Amino acid sequence: MSCCPYIIIKITMAINVNTVYQTVLLILNKEQRGYITPQEFNNIANQVQLEIFNSYFPDGDQANRKNQTNQQNDTEFYNSFDIQDSRLDPFKLVTKEFIYDSDQDAWVYPSNVLPISKIGSVYCNYNNRITYKQADRLSYKEFRTTANSRLTAPTQNYPIFNITYIEKDFEQVIPLQSYAGGSTLVFDSTYNISVGNSVFNKTQQVLYNNVTGLSTVNNTIEVTVSENLSVLNPPVAGDEMLIIKADDITLYPNLFIEPRPSSIEVSAVQTPSQVSWAYQIQANGSYLYDSTASTDFDLVQDEQSRVVLEILKYCGVLIRDPQIAQQAAQAEAVIEANEKR
């Protein structure tokens, strides 16, 4: 009797942004405590997601101490370190996005993708072989000393690397879906565009200056820029548009590797994407949720209660109701104390 192999599928569900926003509004409005606009919610939601994401690293280190002292609960589903590590699953990746830049003699990470928060291991491939060799990470001083020494010079079997971070504006190149005339460009709603972004037509080499307005229509996003594009060379569908977020300066890693490989793979932790509760304004001035243009939290679903409580803390400050902030902080403190016992 033959035995079929098991296939293990790991599914990580995100937190729905509309569920969180409606929950927050319900709690605030239950006793007529106030209201927060979608834009206020989006700003707070992104701050909360980033704070929770950054807490995973010290919390994981603390949970790992139980492993080191043989105090960890190894029962399935109750290992505190495994639970903490699983919360990083949506952000973990193995990437081949790094591109060799001969001018810098470094492997650079493109600024048109979400930035990397943490670099793990670097694997080097030489002469397009099947196998990859893991590189040792060294400080800049150790890297230069080792690379320049005849006795300790790295080899293809024992490569070394060093990381340097540089500031870049977040950029993305996206195709124009259509030109609506005047100052309006139409894109697919899946792209993340904000007021204040700069728009440069790479195909025609024309700068359209800054985004001054946004509106969502069905599955598209209409972008208004500060230039009347009909005066310039009118854009056409398919033109490549470079969207630059000048106010979103981020640190991107450059990898210096010796000896230089043919290609590399890097295990890393990616920065969370921007949360967005998108909407359309109705005739009566109300906000209608637009699921096609919205972006959910990247956090795993078991963090939903924590997300709501953290947002309520900020809402209490925003609407000047200290009782809301205090109650949310107390509830979160109970959850956190229980997790870290």
Protein backbone atom coordinates (compact mmCIF):
# COMPACT_ATOMS: atom_id res chain seq x y z
CA MET A 1 0.00 0.00 0.00
CA SER A 2 1.60 3.23 -1.12
CA CYS A 3 1.61 6.29 1.04
CA CYS A 4 0.86 9.72 -0.35
CA PRO A 5 3.09 12.60 0.78
CA TYR A 6 1.59 15.34 2.89
CA ILE A 7 1.48 18.85 1.52
CA ILE A 8 1.65 21.52 4.20
CA ILE A 9 0.16 24.87 3.19
CA LYS A 10 0.76 27.85 5.44
CA ILE A 11 -1.87 30.55 5.12
CA THR A 12 -1.36 33.92 6.77
CA MET A 13 -4.52 36.02 6.87
CA ALA A 14 -4.28 39.80 7.06
CA ILE A 15 -6.44 42.07 9.21
CA ASN A 16 -9.24 43.70 7.25
CA VAL A 17 -8.92 47.48 7.42
CA ASN A 18 -12.68 48.05 7.20
CA THR A 19 -13.37 45.70 10.10
CA VAL A 20 -10.92 47.62 12.28
CA TYR A 21 -12.25 51.06 11.27
CA GLN A 22 -15.89 50.07 11.86
CA THR A 23 -14.98 48.54 15.24
CA VAL A 24 -13.18 51.71 16.30
CA LEU A 25 -16.12 53.89 15.18
CA LEU A 26 -18.57 51.63 17.00
CA ILE A 27 -16.66 51.91 20.28
CA LEU A 28 -16.22 55.67 19.96
CA ASN A 29 -19.85 56.30 19.02
CA LYS A 30 -21.38 53.97 21.59
CA GLU A 31 -21.33 56.74 24.17
CA GLN A 32 -21.15 59.63 21.70
CA ARG A 33 -17.46 60.16 22.44
CA GLY A 34 -16.51 61.52 19.03
CA TYR A 35 -15.56 60.62 15.47
CA ILE A 36 -12.37 60.24 13.46
CA THR A 37 -12.21 60.83 9.71
CA PRO A 38 -10.84 58.22 7.27
CA GLN A 39 -7.65 60.26 6.83
CA GLU A 40 -7.12 60.47 10.60
CA PHE A 41 -7.76 56.75 10.87
CA ASN A 42 -5.27 55.95 8.08
CA ASN A 43 -2.55 58.03 9.74
CA ILE A 44 -3.11 56.39 13.13
CA ALA A 45 -3.43 52.89 11.62
CA ASN A 46 -0.05 53.15 9.89
CA GLN A 47 1.61 54.41 13.06
CA VAL A 48 0.09 51.54 15.07
CA GLN A 49 1.07 48.88 12.52
CA LEU A 50 4.67 50.12 12.50
CA GLU A 51 4.86 50.18 16.31
CA ILE A 52 3.51 46.62 16.59
CA PHE A 53 5.86 45.44 13.83
CA ASN A 54 8.90 46.97 15.55
CA SER A 55 7.91 45.37 18.88
CA TYR A 56 8.32 41.88 17.42
CA PHE A 57 12.11 41.99 17.55
CA PRO A 58 12.65 42.74 21.28
CA ASP A 59 9.66 40.55 22.16
CA GLY A 60 11.12 37.68 20.13
CA ASP A 61 14.46 38.12 21.86
CA GLN A 62 12.74 37.95 25.24
CA ALA A 63 10.78 34.82 24.27
CA ASN A 64 13.98 33.17 23.04
CA ARG A 65 15.51 33.44 26.52
CA LYS A 66 13.17 30.63 27.59
CA ASN A 67 14.80 28.45 24.92
CA GLN A 68 18.24 29.28 26.28
CA THR A 69 17.26 28.37 29.85
CA ASN A 70 15.18 25.30 28.89
CA GLN A 71 12.00 26.91 30.23
CA GLN A 72 10.12 26.98 26.93
CA ASN A 73 6.73 25.27 26.63
CA ASP A 74 7.18 22.81 23.76
CA THR A 75 3.49 21.86 23.61
CA GLU A 76 2.08 22.39 20.12
CA PHE A 77 0.54 25.86 19.69
CA TYR A 78 1.86 27.09 23.07
CA ASN A 79 5.54 27.76 22.37
CA SER A 80 5.86 31.51 23.02
CA PHE A 81 8.90 31.92 20.75
CA ASP A 82 7.23 30.09 17.83
CA ILE A 83 4.10 32.20 18.29
CA GLN A 84 6.14 35.40 18.26
CA ASP A 85 8.17 34.28 15.25
CA SER A 86 5.01 33.38 13.30
CA ARG A 87 3.82 36.99 13.59
CA LEU A 88 6.72 37.97 11.33
CA ASP A 89 5.68 35.48 8.63
CA PRO A 90 3.87 38.07 6.45
CA PHE A 91 7.07 40.13 6.29
CA LYS A 92 9.66 37.41 5.69
CA LEU A 93 10.99 36.95 2.19
CA VAL A 94 13.87 35.56 0.18
CA THR A 95 14.64 38.07 -2.52
CA LYS A 96 16.72 38.22 -5.69
CA GLU A 97 15.85 41.92 -6.17
CA PHE A 98 19.40 43.12 -5.44
CA ILE A 99 21.14 44.34 -8.59
CA TYR A 100 24.88 44.77 -9.01
CA ASP A 101 25.91 48.42 -9.53
CA SER A 102 29.42 48.66 -11.00
CA ASP A 103 29.73 52.36 -10.12
CA GLN A 104 29.32 51.59 -6.40
CA ASP A 105 30.80 48.08 -6.64
CA ALA A 106 27.82 47.01 -4.54
CA TRP A 107 24.57 45.08 -4.76
CA VAL A 108 21.80 47.68 -4.45
CA TYR A 109 18.15 47.24 -3.54
CA PRO A 110 15.74 49.03 -5.92
CA SER A 111 13.68 51.87 -4.49
CA ASN A 112 10.53 50.86 -6.39
CA VAL A 113 9.74 48.05 -3.94
CA LEU A 114 8.95 48.15 -0.25
CA PRO A 115 12.11 48.75 1.81
CA ILE A 116 13.77 46.02 3.83
CA SER A 117 13.71 46.32 7.61
CA LYS A 118 16.20 43.57 8.51
CA ILE A 119 18.80 41.63 6.53
CA GLY A 120 19.29 38.00 7.52
CA SER A 121 21.51 35.68 5.50
CA VAL A 122 23.17 36.38 2.14
CA TYR A 123 23.74 33.48 -0.26
CA CYS A 124 26.14 33.82 -3.19
CA ASN A 125 26.16 31.99 -6.50
CA TYR A 126 29.34 31.81 -8.55
CA ASN A 127 29.49 30.96 -12.25
CA ASN A 128 25.77 30.04 -12.26
CA ARG A 129 26.29 26.87 -10.27
CA ILE A 130 23.42 24.97 -8.68
CA THR A 131 24.61 25.56 -5.13
CA TYR A 132 24.82 28.83 -3.18
CA LYS A 133 27.41 29.67 -0.54
CA GLN A 134 26.40 31.56 2.58
CA ALA A 135 28.47 34.71 3.15
CA ASP A 136 29.76 35.78 6.56
CA ARG A 137 28.65 39.22 7.71
CA LEU A 138 31.48 41.47 8.90
CA SER A 139 31.74 45.03 10.13
CA TYR A 140 33.06 47.56 7.62
CA LYS A 141 36.54 47.54 9.21
CA GLU A 142 36.67 43.73 9.34
CA PHE A 143 35.38 43.50 5.77
CA ARG A 144 38.09 45.79 4.37
CA THR A 145 40.84 44.20 6.43
CA THR A 146 39.85 40.67 5.44
CA ALA A 147 39.34 41.50 1.76
CA ASN A 148 42.76 43.20 1.48
CA SER A 149 44.75 40.52 3.28
CA ARG A 150 46.46 37.73 1.34
CA LEU A 151 46.18 35.38 4.31
CA THR A 152 42.49 35.95 5.02
CA ALA A 153 41.21 36.87 1.55
CA PRO A 154 37.68 35.53 0.97
CA THR A 155 37.07 32.80 -1.60
CA GLN A 156 34.07 31.54 -3.52
CA ASN A 157 33.64 28.87 -0.85
CA TYR A 158 33.90 31.41 1.98
CA PRO A 159 32.53 34.78 0.80
CA ILE A 160 32.06 37.79 3.08
CA PHE A 161 29.70 40.78 3.02
CA ASN A 162 29.05 44.14 4.66
CA ILE A 163 25.89 46.27 4.65
CA THR A 164 25.70 50.04 4.18
CA TYR A 165 22.38 51.89 4.21
CA ILE A 166 21.67 54.92 2.03
CA GLU A 167 18.73 57.32 1.93
CA LYS A 168 16.39 57.13 -1.07
CA ASP A 169 12.98 58.47 -1.97
CA PHE A 170 10.45 55.69 -2.41
CA GLU A 171 9.79 55.32 -6.15
CA GLN A 172 7.53 53.19 -8.31
CA VAL A 173 7.09 52.91 -12.06
CA ILE A 174 3.51 52.20 -13.10
CA PRO A 175 1.74 52.18 -16.49
CA LEU A 176 -0.83 54.85 -17.31
CA GLN A 177 -4.24 53.27 -17.84
CA SER A 178 -5.72 56.26 -19.66
CA TYR A 179 -5.58 60.05 -19.98
CA ALA A 180 -8.81 61.77 -19.00
CA GLY A 181 -7.80 65.16 -20.40
CA GLY A 182 -6.68 68.35 -18.70
CA SER A 183 -4.66 67.53 -15.58
CA THR A 184 -6.13 64.08 -14.86
CA LEU A 185 -4.30 60.76 -15.16
CA VAL A 186 -6.04 57.44 -14.62
CA PHE A 187 -4.29 54.44 -13.00
CA ASP A 188 -5.31 51.04 -11.72
CA SER A 189 -6.53 51.43 -8.13
CA THR A 190 -4.12 48.77 -6.82
CA TYR A 191 -1.24 51.28 -6.90
CA ASN A 192 -0.33 53.38 -3.87
CA ILE A 193 -0.35 57.08 -4.86
CA SER A 194 -0.65 60.02 -2.46
CA VAL A 195 -1.18 63.77 -2.67
CA GLY A 196 2.22 65.50 -2.89
CA ASN A 197 3.90 62.71 -4.90
CA SER A 198 5.84 63.82 -7.97
CA VAL A 199 4.93 62.34 -11.36
CA PHE A 200 7.45 61.96 -14.18
CA ASN A 201 6.53 60.50 -17.56
CA LYS A 202 9.51 58.24 -18.30
CA THR A 203 8.26 57.38 -21.78
CA GLN A 204 8.07 61.00 -22.94
CA GLN A 205 10.63 62.39 -20.46
CA VAL A 206 8.19 65.03 -19.14
CA LEU A 207 7.78 66.14 -15.50
CA TYR A 208 4.14 66.60 -14.41
CA ASN A 209 5.05 68.02 -10.98
CA ASN A 210 3.01 67.16 -7.89
CA VAL A 211 -0.22 65.26 -7.30
CA THR A 212 -2.83 67.73 -6.02
CA GLY A 213 -5.93 65.51 -5.86
CA LEU A 214 -7.14 61.90 -5.87
CA SER A 215 -10.50 60.27 -6.47
CA THR A 216 -11.48 56.62 -6.81
CA VAL A 217 -13.85 55.56 -9.58
CA ASN A 218 -14.76 51.86 -9.80
CA ASN A 219 -11.41 50.03 -10.04
CA THR A 220 -9.38 53.08 -11.04
CA ILE A 221 -7.81 56.03 -9.27
CA GLU A 222 -7.97 59.44 -10.94
CA VAL A 223 -4.88 61.51 -10.19
CA THR A 224 -4.91 65.28 -10.64
CA VAL A 225 -1.52 66.95 -11.13
CA SER A 226 -0.53 70.61 -10.98
CA GLU A 227 0.16 70.86 -14.73
CA ASN A 228 -2.34 71.14 -17.60
CA LEU A 229 -1.07 68.16 -19.56
CA SER A 230 -2.86 69.13 -22.77
CA VAL A 231 -0.40 72.05 -23.08
CA LEU A 232 2.52 69.61 -22.95
CA ASN A 233 2.79 66.44 -25.02
CA PRO A 234 -0.43 64.69 -23.94
CA PRO A 235 0.28 61.31 -22.29
CA VAL A 236 -1.13 58.14 -23.80
CA ALA A 237 -2.22 54.84 -22.29
CA GLY A 238 0.74 52.61 -21.52
CA ASP A 239 3.20 55.44 -20.81
CA GLU A 240 5.49 54.54 -17.90
CA MET A 241 5.00 56.95 -15.00
CA LEU A 242 7.62 57.34 -12.29
CA ILE A 243 5.88 58.15 -8.98
CA ILE A 244 8.27 59.67 -6.43
CA LYS A 245 7.33 60.02 -2.78
CA ALA A 246 9.71 62.81 -1.87
CA ASP A 247 8.43 62.95 1.70
CA ASP A 248 9.03 59.22 2.23
CA ILE A 249 12.81 59.05 2.59
CA THR A 250 13.81 55.52 3.50
CA LEU A 251 17.05 53.70 4.21
CA TYR A 252 17.84 51.10 1.55
CA PRO A 253 20.64 48.52 1.95
CA ASN A 254 23.73 48.26 -0.26
CA LEU A 255 25.61 44.96 0.00
CA PHE A 256 29.38 44.81 -0.51
CA ILE A 257 30.39 41.21 -1.23
CA GLU A 258 33.82 39.64 -1.79
CA PRO A 259 34.51 37.90 -4.04
CA ARG A 260 31.85 39.28 -6.36
CA PRO A 261 29.19 36.64 -7.10
CA SER A 262 27.20 36.07 -10.29
CA SER A 263 23.92 36.40 -8.37
CA ILE A 264 22.68 36.51 -4.78
CA GLU A 265 19.70 35.50 -2.67
CA VAL A 266 18.93 37.39 0.53
CA SER A 267 16.66 36.38 3.39
CA ALA A 268 15.13 39.47 4.90
CA VAL A 269 12.22 41.06 6.74
CA GLN A 270 10.25 43.58 4.73
CA THR A 271 8.78 46.82 6.03
CA PRO A 272 4.95 46.84 6.33
CA SER A 273 2.99 48.33 3.45
CA GLN A 274 0.86 51.42 3.96
CA VAL A 275 -2.60 50.75 5.40
CA SER A 276 -5.40 52.60 3.61
CA TRP A 277 -9.16 52.78 4.18
CA ALA A 278 -10.15 54.10 0.76
CA TYR A 279 -13.50 55.69 0.10
CA GLN A 280 -15.76 57.54 -2.28
CA ILE A 281 -17.60 60.66 -1.15
CA GLN A 282 -21.35 60.38 -1.60
CA ALA A 283 -23.78 63.15 -2.56
CA ASN A 284 -24.73 63.65 1.09
CA GLY A 285 -21.06 64.02 2.08
CA SER A 286 -20.75 60.58 3.70
CA TYR A 287 -17.85 58.20 3.08
CA LEU A 288 -18.49 54.93 1.19
CA TYR A 289 -15.86 52.23 1.74
CA ASP A 290 -13.99 51.24 -1.44
CA SER A 291 -12.59 47.74 -0.97
CA THR A 292 -10.86 47.69 -4.38
CA ALA A 293 -8.67 50.69 -3.55
CA SER A 294 -8.07 49.87 0.13
CA THR A 295 -5.03 48.16 1.64
CA ASP A 296 -5.40 45.86 4.65
CA PHE A 297 -3.01 45.56 7.58
CA ASP A 298 -0.11 43.18 6.94
CA LEU A 299 -0.29 41.92 10.52
CA VAL A 300 -1.65 38.43 11.25
CA GLN A 301 -5.27 38.14 12.38
CA ASP A 302 -4.53 37.33 16.02
CA GLU A 303 -3.24 40.89 16.36
CA GLN A 304 -6.62 42.45 15.55
CA SER A 305 -7.58 43.15 19.18
CA ARG A 306 -4.21 44.75 19.80
CA VAL A 307 -4.55 46.91 16.67
CA VAL A 308 -7.99 48.16 17.75
CA LEU A 309 -6.82 48.95 21.28
CA GLU A 310 -3.71 50.78 20.07
CA ILE A 311 -5.77 52.87 17.65
CA LEU A 312 -8.25 53.71 20.42
CA LYS A 313 -5.38 55.00 22.56
CA TYR A 314 -4.46 57.50 19.86
CA CYS A 315 -8.14 58.32 19.27
CA GLY A 316 -8.48 59.24 22.93
CA VAL A 317 -5.69 61.78 22.47
CA LEU A 318 -7.14 63.02 19.17
CA ILE A 319 -10.66 63.64 20.50
CA ARG A 320 -9.30 64.74 23.90
CA ASP A 321 -10.97 61.97 25.85
CA PRO A 322 -8.38 60.57 28.28
CA GLN A 323 -10.78 57.89 29.51
CA ILE A 324 -10.77 56.17 26.10
CA ALA A 325 -6.96 56.17 26.02
CA GLN A 326 -6.71 54.88 29.61
CA GLN A 327 -9.22 52.05 29.12
CA ALA A 328 -7.52 50.92 25.89
CA ALA A 329 -4.07 51.06 27.53
CA GLN A 330 -5.29 48.99 30.50
CA ALA A 331 -6.86 46.34 28.26
CA GLU A 332 -3.70 46.08 26.16
CA ALA A 333 -1.50 45.85 29.27
CA VAL A 334 -3.49 42.80 30.43
CA ILE A 335 -3.00 41.08 27.05
CA GLU A 336 0.72 41.89 26.96
CA ALA A 337 1.31 40.73 30.55
CA ASN A 338 -0.41 37.42 29.82
CA GLU A 339 1.72 36.83 26.69
CA LYS A 340 5.03 37.57 28.46
CA ARG A 341 4.55 35.47 31.60
